[in-house]
Protein backbone atom coordinates (compact mmCIF):
# COMPACT_ATOMS: atom_id res chain seq x y z
CA UNK A 1 -0.73 7.65 10.67
CA UNK A 2 -4.14 9.19 10.25
CA UNK A 3 -5.54 7.21 13.38
CA UNK A 4 -2.49 8.52 15.40
CA UNK A 5 -3.18 12.30 14.63
CA UNK A 6 -6.70 11.38 15.24
CA UNK A 7 -6.03 9.89 18.86
CA UNK A 8 -3.61 12.84 19.64
CA UNK A 9 -6.15 15.27 18.53
CA UNK A 10 -8.95 13.21 20.80
CA UNK A 11 -6.44 13.79 23.45
CA UNK A 12 -6.52 17.31 23.29
CA UNK A 13 -3.24 18.26 21.43
CA UNK A 14 -3.42 21.15 18.93
CA UNK A 15 -3.29 20.20 15.25
CA UNK A 16 0.47 20.94 14.64
CA UNK A 17 1.57 19.18 17.79
CA UNK A 18 -0.74 16.26 17.29
CA UNK A 19 0.92 15.99 13.62
CA UNK A 20 4.28 16.40 15.00
CA UNK A 21 3.83 13.67 17.76
CA UNK A 22 2.27 11.21 15.33
CA UNK A 23 4.99 11.65 12.90
CA UNK A 24 7.61 11.40 15.67
CA UNK A 25 6.04 8.01 17.06
CA UNK A 26 5.91 6.55 13.57
CA UNK A 27 9.47 7.41 12.77
CA UNK A 28 8.65 10.19 10.14
CA UNK A 29 10.13 13.04 12.00
CA UNK A 30 12.49 15.19 10.28
CA UNK A 31 12.53 16.60 7.03
CA UNK A 32 8.96 15.02 5.96
CA UNK A 33 7.61 16.43 9.28
CA UNK A 34 8.81 19.67 8.34
CA UNK A 35 7.21 19.56 4.84
CA UNK A 36 3.86 18.26 6.27
CA UNK A 37 3.79 20.91 8.99
CA UNK A 38 4.71 23.59 6.48
CA UNK A 39 1.82 22.49 4.25
CA UNK A 40 -0.41 22.64 6.99
CA UNK A 41 0.54 26.17 7.75
CA UNK A 42 -0.61 27.25 4.33
CA UNK A 43 -4.08 28.63 4.64
CA UNK A 44 -4.86 29.87 1.16
CA UNK A 45 -7.63 27.91 -0.39
CA UNK A 46 -6.39 25.39 -2.94
CA UNK A 47 -2.69 25.71 -1.90
CA UNK A 48 -0.88 22.54 -2.18
CA UNK A 49 2.93 22.07 -1.36
CA UNK A 50 4.32 19.82 -4.20
CA UNK A 51 7.08 18.85 -1.87
CA UNK A 52 4.75 16.85 0.37
CA UNK A 53 5.13 13.43 -0.01
CA UNK A 54 2.33 11.13 -1.66
CA UNK A 55 1.74 9.14 1.26
CA UNK A 56 1.12 12.32 3.43
CA UNK A 57 -1.49 13.88 1.30
CA UNK A 58 -4.63 12.31 2.78
CA UNK A 59 -3.55 13.89 6.14
CA UNK A 60 -2.79 17.22 4.83
CA UNK A 61 -5.92 17.21 2.74
CA UNK A 62 -7.95 16.03 5.68
CA UNK A 63 -6.78 18.74 8.14
CA UNK A 64 -6.53 21.41 5.41
CA UNK A 65 -10.25 20.79 4.97
CA UNK A 66 -11.10 20.70 8.53
CA UNK A 67 -9.04 24.20 8.97
CA UNK A 68 -10.88 25.88 6.06
CA UNK A 69 -14.38 24.55 6.86
CA UNK A 70 -14.36 24.07 10.54
CA UNK A 71 -15.44 20.46 10.56
CA UNK A 72 -14.26 17.95 13.04
CA UNK A 73 -10.65 17.04 12.13
CA UNK A 74 -11.33 13.76 13.83
CA UNK A 75 -14.31 12.82 11.72
CA UNK A 76 -12.47 13.78 8.59
CA UNK A 77 -9.35 11.99 9.68
CA UNK A 78 -11.26 8.82 10.40
CA UNK A 79 -12.76 8.91 7.08
CA UNK A 80 -9.44 9.65 5.24
CA UNK A 81 -8.06 6.37 7.02
CA UNK A 82 -11.02 4.36 5.94
CA UNK A 83 -10.54 5.41 2.31
CA UNK A 84 -7.01 4.87 2.59
CA UNK A 85 -7.24 1.40 4.00
CA UNK A 86 -9.84 0.51 1.16
CA UNK A 87 -7.39 2.13 -1.26
CA UNK A 88 -4.49 -0.11 0.10
CA UNK A 89 -7.01 -3.21 0.01
CA UNK A 90 -7.89 -2.69 -3.75
CA UNK A 91 -4.23 -2.17 -4.52
CA UNK A 92 -3.23 -5.52 -2.96
CA UNK A 93 -5.83 -7.20 -4.78
CA UNK A 94 -4.55 -5.79 -7.97
CA UNK A 95 -1.00 -6.63 -7.07
CA UNK A 96 -2.13 -10.24 -6.12
CA UNK A 97 -3.76 -10.70 -9.33
CA UNK A 98 -0.68 -9.35 -11.33
CA UNK A 99 1.48 -11.75 -9.38
CA UNK A 100 -0.65 -14.84 -10.31
CA UNK A 101 -0.10 -13.92 -13.98
CA UNK A 102 3.65 -13.06 -13.62
CA UNK A 103 4.31 -16.64 -11.86
CA UNK A 104 2.70 -18.58 -14.73
CA UNK A 105 5.92 -18.50 -17.00
CA UNK A 106 8.45 -19.36 -14.06
CA UNK A 107 6.26 -22.18 -13.24
CA UNK A 108 5.70 -23.28 -16.50
CA UNK A 109 9.29 -23.41 -17.29
CA UNK A 110 10.10 -25.48 -14.30
CA UNK A 111 6.94 -27.68 -13.46
CA UNK A 112 6.08 -28.66 -17.36
CA UNK A 113 9.67 -30.08 -18.12
CA UNK A 114 9.95 -31.74 -14.44
CA UNK A 115 6.47 -33.54 -15.54
CA UNK A 116 7.56 -34.41 -18.84
CA UNK A 117 10.67 -35.94 -17.74
CA UNK A 118 9.34 -37.93 -14.66
CA UNK A 119 5.66 -38.50 -15.86
CA UNK A 120 5.57 -38.73 -19.42
CA UNK A 121 9.17 -39.95 -20.64
CA UNK A 122 9.19 -43.30 -18.72
CA UNK A 123 5.75 -44.10 -20.09
CA UNK A 124 6.75 -43.37 -23.68
CA UNK A 125 9.95 -45.41 -23.25
CA UNK A 126 8.25 -48.27 -21.93
CA UNK A 127 5.71 -48.16 -24.75
CA UNK A 128 8.37 -47.97 -27.16
CA UNK A 129 10.41 -50.69 -25.46
CA UNK A 130 7.38 -53.15 -25.66
CA UNK A 131 6.52 -51.91 -28.95
CA UNK A 132 10.19 -52.78 -30.13
CA UNK A 133 10.24 -56.17 -28.34
CA UNK A 134 13.14 -55.09 -26.01
CA UNK A 135 11.66 -56.48 -23.19
């Protein structure tokens, strides 16, 4: 999303038009687009709209900073996009680590009994039969 807004800004659109176009292209048009545009319209320093969904905070924060400081919105959006990708990569690594731990119990409950029944039990029964002279 951040890259879409950055591309729209690079194409010469105004900030509100770029955000609206990117939200429409990403399927976020509607109430969320209104919340994001409303949050961007607030010019007071430090004002944060609690109604803005968490996923739009990097966008609103970068554009708010650009409006307040005069910094290039494109540079801030690219930095925010890089940070967001890094955050998602870290979260995926944490989730993958949790998944490995969560899979231990189901695998242990299914694989271990199968190993005992198919690998250990025939050997024990064969040894018991040989020891008792049943063969």
